[in-house]
Amino acid sequence: MMAILVDVHPSSEGGLMNVFHAPSGSHTEMAEMVRKLWEGSGTILVRVCNTREQAFAILGGMRNDLLAHIKTFREGLSF
């Protein structure tokens, strides 16, 4: 999926930022692997945050639309 970003979002359109909320452990490890893939790309910036507050600070503040999306996504997951 991440590889498709290069085709969908060409560098002529400017930069693209992805913010991952990865609290700890395997979540953080996985997010860091993705971040390292894009290091030095010049067009795609990946930030990994340990807290939701850090992620929303990067995005410019609390976003109720994203919170609703996250809640819907979590409700659809079955473990």
C-alpha atoms as a PDB file:
ATOM      1  CA  MET A   1       0.000   0.000   0.000  1.00  0.00           C
ATOM      2  CA  MET A   2       2.768   2.454   0.873  1.00  0.00           C
ATOM      3  CA  ALA A   3       4.457   1.850  -2.492  1.00  0.00           C
ATOM      4  CA  ILE A   4       1.314   3.042  -4.264  1.00  0.00           C
ATOM      5  CA  LEU A   5       1.751   6.472  -2.640  1.00  0.00           C
ATOM      6  CA  VAL A   6       4.511   7.317  -5.099  1.00  0.00           C
ATOM      7  CA  ASP A   7       2.109   6.785  -8.019  1.00  0.00           C
ATOM      8  CA  VAL A   8      -0.925   8.374  -6.387  1.00  0.00           C
ATOM      9  CA  HIS A   9       0.899  11.389  -4.978  1.00  0.00           C
ATOM     10  CA  PRO A  10       3.544  12.587  -7.448  1.00  0.00           C
ATOM     11  CA  SER A  11       6.344  14.813  -6.141  1.00  0.00           C
ATOM     12  CA  SER A  12       5.104  17.662  -8.332  1.00  0.00           C
ATOM     13  CA  GLU A  13       2.100  17.941  -5.996  1.00  0.00           C
ATOM     14  CA  GLY A  14       4.288  18.774  -2.986  1.00  0.00           C
ATOM     15  CA  GLY A  15       4.960  16.787   0.149  1.00  0.00           C
ATOM     16  CA  LEU A  16       2.831  14.232   1.928  1.00  0.00           C
ATOM     17  CA  MET A  17       2.925  13.633   5.664  1.00  0.00           C
ATOM     18  CA  ASN A  18       1.827  10.450   7.435  1.00  0.00           C
ATOM     19  CA  VAL A  19       1.397  10.489  11.197  1.00  0.00           C
ATOM     20  CA  PHE A  20       1.311   7.161  13.023  1.00  0.00           C
ATOM     21  CA  HIS A  21       0.059   6.744  16.577  1.00  0.00           C
ATOM     22  CA  ALA A  22       2.130   3.815  17.790  1.00  0.00           C
ATOM     23  CA  PRO A  23       1.924   3.542  21.589  1.00  0.00           C
ATOM     24  CA  SER A  24       4.603   0.939  22.255  1.00  0.00           C
ATOM     25  CA  GLY A  25       6.191  -2.393  21.458  1.00  0.00           C
ATOM     26  CA  SER A  26       5.353  -3.977  18.129  1.00  0.00           C
ATOM     27  CA  HIS A  27       3.231  -0.976  17.105  1.00  0.00           C
ATOM     28  CA  THR A  28       6.232   1.326  17.391  1.00  0.00           C
ATOM     29  CA  GLU A  29       8.563  -1.162  15.712  1.00  0.00           C
ATOM     30  CA  MET A  30       6.237  -1.487  12.736  1.00  0.00           C
ATOM     31  CA  ALA A  31       5.732   2.272  12.414  1.00  0.00           C
ATOM     32  CA  GLU A  32       9.497   2.832  12.585  1.00  0.00           C
ATOM     33  CA  MET A  33      10.020   0.303   9.783  1.00  0.00           C
ATOM     34  CA  VAL A  34       7.614   2.282   7.596  1.00  0.00           C
ATOM     35  CA  ARG A  35       9.277   5.573   8.570  1.00  0.00           C
ATOM     36  CA  LYS A  36      12.711   4.251   7.622  1.00  0.00           C
ATOM     37  CA  LEU A  37      11.423   3.180   4.193  1.00  0.00           C
ATOM     38  CA  TRP A  38      10.650   6.813   3.383  1.00  0.00           C
ATOM     39  CA  GLU A  39      13.730   8.461   4.921  1.00  0.00           C
ATOM     40  CA  GLY A  40      15.330  10.775   2.419  1.00  0.00           C
ATOM     41  CA  SER A  41      12.466  10.578  -0.094  1.00  0.00           C
ATOM     42  CA  GLY A  42      12.082  14.352  -0.101  1.00  0.00           C
ATOM     43  CA  THR A  43       8.344  14.151  -0.696  1.00  0.00           C
ATOM     44  CA  ILE A  44       6.943  11.759   1.902  1.00  0.00           C
ATOM     45  CA  LEU A  45       7.405  12.529   5.582  1.00  0.00           C
ATOM     46  CA  VAL A  46       6.493   9.983   8.253  1.00  0.00           C
ATOM     47  CA  ARG A  47       6.169  10.855  11.924  1.00  0.00           C
ATOM     48  CA  VAL A  48       5.745   8.266  14.678  1.00  0.00           C
ATOM     49  CA  CYS A  49       4.072   9.383  17.910  1.00  0.00           C
ATOM     50  CA  ASN A  50       3.778   7.490  21.186  1.00  0.00           C
ATOM     51  CA  THR A  51       0.688   9.369  22.336  1.00  0.00           C
ATOM     52  CA  ARG A  52      -2.485  10.478  20.654  1.00  0.00           C
ATOM     53  CA  GLU A  53      -1.803  14.003  21.925  1.00  0.00           C
ATOM     54  CA  GLN A  54       1.544  14.086  20.078  1.00  0.00           C
ATOM     55  CA  ALA A  55      -0.121  12.944  16.872  1.00  0.00           C
ATOM     56  CA  PHE A  56      -2.865  15.564  17.105  1.00  0.00           C
ATOM     57  CA  ALA A  57      -0.307  18.272  17.905  1.00  0.00           C
ATOM     58  CA  ILE A  58       1.442  17.483  14.607  1.00  0.00           C
ATOM     59  CA  LEU A  59      -1.900  17.539  12.806  1.00  0.00           C
ATOM     60  CA  GLY A  60      -2.722  20.947  14.273  1.00  0.00           C
ATOM     61  CA  GLY A  61      -4.960  20.028  17.190  1.00  0.00           C
ATOM     62  CA  MET A  62      -7.724  17.653  18.201  1.00  0.00           C
ATOM     63  CA  ARG A  63      -9.706  16.417  15.213  1.00  0.00           C
ATOM     64  CA  ASN A  64     -13.166  15.074  16.025  1.00  0.00           C
ATOM     65  CA  ASP A  65     -13.569  13.754  12.474  1.00  0.00           C
ATOM     66  CA  LEU A  66     -10.473  11.586  12.911  1.00  0.00           C
ATOM     67  CA  LEU A  67     -11.573  10.430  16.359  1.00  0.00           C
ATOM     68  CA  ALA A  68     -14.905   9.292  14.892  1.00  0.00           C
ATOM     69  CA  HIS A  69     -13.057   7.449  12.109  1.00  0.00           C
ATOM     70  CA  ILE A  70     -10.760   5.728  14.615  1.00  0.00           C
ATOM     71  CA  LYS A  71     -13.721   4.682  16.744  1.00  0.00           C
ATOM     72  CA  THR A  72     -15.532   3.222  13.718  1.00  0.00           C
ATOM     73  CA  PHE A  73     -12.390   1.382  12.631  1.00  0.00           C
ATOM     74  CA  ARG A  74     -11.830  -0.119  16.098  1.00  0.00           C
ATOM     75  CA  GLU A  75     -15.443  -1.256  16.331  1.00  0.00           C
ATOM     76  CA  GLY A  76     -14.996  -3.115  13.026  1.00  0.00           C
ATOM     77  CA  LEU A  77     -11.943  -5.010  14.247  1.00  0.00           C
ATOM     78  CA  SER A  78     -12.388  -8.471  15.642  1.00  0.00           C
ATOM     79  CA  PHE A  79      -9.627  -9.998  17.750  1.00  0.00           C
END
